Amino acid sequence: MQELILAQPRGTARGETQRELADAELQRQFESLLPECAPLVFRVARGVLRNDADAEDVAQESLLRAYRSFHRLRDRQKFRSWIVRITFRLALDRLRSVRRRGVREANWLRESLPPTNSSPAGGDFQAELDRALAELPEKQRLALLLSAMEGHTIEEVAALLAVPVGTVKSRLFVAKKHLAEKLRCFVKTTENR
């Protein structure tokens, strides 16, 4: 991921106003948080989109939006969870856009090709997993992404999302239960001997 460079023209010491000094201080605060959070932003976007190029675009957009709105963030301690939420929502928007485009293209292709009688045989586990993950509500998907796929502890996920530990446990339980139900057809049952 390329590094986001935030540069603003600096005036002379006498010409700087109070506002310019405040803006410069905000920029320094934001830049001090970037080394820790930028990789996390990319990983969250990558976890949702499963595509490095799109994840980089979303990560850059997330950092840019966070920079533009940083002055509104009251509690700087919650920066990580705030930027994770921004990234997750932007990644979901990108994913929905890609899917809508894919549906339009598939419909166009279906209309232009002659009909066939073949049907897809068997189930593709990855496709089913992606579909089941897409059906999860946003809050459950984000908790599952951060916990199971990013390897954060439940306490870390609770801190990132700014919710109680019990809420994270509940979201994970429901998300895992939903995935288990959707992916049951891929489990081979064994008979007791």
Foldseek 3Di string as FASTA:
>chain_A
DDDDDDDDDDDDPVPDDPVNVVLVVLVVLLVVCCVVQLVVLLLLLCLLQVDNVRSVVLSVVLSVVCSVCVVVDDDVLLVQLVSSVSSLVSSVVVVVVVVVVVVVVVVVVVVVDDDDDDDDDDDDQVVLLSVLLVPQPSVLSSLCCCPVVVPDDLVVSCSSNVHDSVVSVVSPVVSVVSSCVSCVVVDDDDDDD
